[in-house]
Amino acid sequence: MDGFALPETLSPEPMPVVISTTAYDEHAVRAFAVHAFDCLLKPFDNQRFG
C-alpha cells in the first residue's frame, strides 16, 4: 500500500491530518485529491516544515 491508497481506507470521521512530502509536482496535486492537509515539496527548509 502506498501513501495515496492509505487515506482511502480510513473513515472520513474523524479523518487524521495527512501531510504529504514529495519532490514531484504531480504527486502534490494527487495528495490534495485525497484530502491531504498540506504538501511539502522537496527540498523544503525548516521554516516550511514548521
C-alpha atoms as a PDB file:
ATOM      1  CA  MET A   1       0.000   0.000   0.000  1.00  0.00           C
ATOM      2  CA  ASP A   2       1.286   3.472  -0.786  1.00  0.00           C
ATOM      3  CA  GLY A   3       0.604   6.876   0.715  1.00  0.00           C
ATOM      4  CA  PHE A   4      -2.237   7.518  -1.729  1.00  0.00           C
ATOM      5  CA  ALA A   5      -4.071   4.276  -1.013  1.00  0.00           C
ATOM      6  CA  LEU A   6      -3.917   4.631   2.771  1.00  0.00           C
ATOM      7  CA  PRO A   7      -6.302   7.621   3.131  1.00  0.00           C
ATOM      8  CA  GLU A   8      -8.885   5.776   1.048  1.00  0.00           C
ATOM      9  CA  THR A   9      -9.008   3.039   3.713  1.00  0.00           C
ATOM     10  CA  LEU A  10      -9.675   5.460   6.577  1.00  0.00           C
ATOM     11  CA  SER A  11     -13.028   6.566   7.871  1.00  0.00           C
ATOM     12  CA  PRO A  12     -13.788  10.182   6.932  1.00  0.00           C
ATOM     13  CA  GLU A  13     -14.865  10.954  10.503  1.00  0.00           C
ATOM     14  CA  PRO A  14     -12.560  11.821  12.123  1.00  0.00           C
ATOM     15  CA  MET A  15     -10.063  11.995   9.275  1.00  0.00           C
ATOM     16  CA  PRO A  16      -6.475  12.272  10.519  1.00  0.00           C
ATOM     17  CA  VAL A  17      -4.326  15.155   9.329  1.00  0.00           C
ATOM     18  CA  VAL A  18      -2.271  13.979   6.351  1.00  0.00           C
ATOM     19  CA  ILE A  19       0.773  15.943   5.191  1.00  0.00           C
ATOM     20  CA  SER A  20       2.493  14.682   2.072  1.00  0.00           C
ATOM     21  CA  THR A  21       6.159  15.174   1.196  1.00  0.00           C
ATOM     22  CA  THR A  22       7.314  14.753  -2.382  1.00  0.00           C
ATOM     23  CA  ALA A  23       9.753  16.011  -4.972  1.00  0.00           C
ATOM     24  CA  TYR A  24       7.188  15.765  -7.782  1.00  0.00           C
ATOM     25  CA  ASP A  25       4.524  18.377  -8.531  1.00  0.00           C
ATOM     26  CA  GLU A  26       2.114  15.780  -9.929  1.00  0.00           C
ATOM     27  CA  HIS A  27       2.218  13.904  -6.624  1.00  0.00           C
ATOM     28  CA  ALA A  28       1.362  17.107  -4.759  1.00  0.00           C
ATOM     29  CA  VAL A  29      -1.764  17.533  -6.871  1.00  0.00           C
ATOM     30  CA  ARG A  30      -2.691  13.905  -6.217  1.00  0.00           C
ATOM     31  CA  ALA A  31      -2.135  14.383  -2.465  1.00  0.00           C
ATOM     32  CA  PHE A  32      -4.711  17.159  -2.351  1.00  0.00           C
ATOM     33  CA  ALA A  33      -7.106  14.955  -4.307  1.00  0.00           C
ATOM     34  CA  VAL A  34      -7.067  12.515  -1.370  1.00  0.00           C
ATOM     35  CA  HIS A  35      -7.660  15.418   1.043  1.00  0.00           C
ATOM     36  CA  ALA A  36      -4.120  15.999   2.320  1.00  0.00           C
ATOM     37  CA  PHE A  37      -3.949  18.923   4.737  1.00  0.00           C
ATOM     38  CA  ASP A  38      -0.716  20.155   3.168  1.00  0.00           C
ATOM     39  CA  CYS A  39       2.058  19.056   0.855  1.00  0.00           C
ATOM     40  CA  LEU A  40       5.738  19.836   1.277  1.00  0.00           C
ATOM     41  CA  LEU A  41       7.653  19.928  -1.991  1.00  0.00           C
ATOM     42  CA  LYS A  42      11.260  18.811  -1.635  1.00  0.00           C
ATOM     43  CA  PRO A  43      13.608  20.374  -0.954  1.00  0.00           C
ATOM     44  CA  PHE A  44      11.973  22.287   1.869  1.00  0.00           C
ATOM     45  CA  ASP A  45      13.573  24.184   4.740  1.00  0.00           C
ATOM     46  CA  ASN A  46      12.955  24.079   8.483  1.00  0.00           C
ATOM     47  CA  GLN A  47      10.691  27.133   8.336  1.00  0.00           C
ATOM     48  CA  ARG A  48       8.389  25.493   5.795  1.00  0.00           C
ATOM     49  CA  PHE A  49       8.466  22.239   7.753  1.00  0.00           C
ATOM     50  CA  GLY A  50       7.338  24.114  10.876  1.00  0.00           C
END
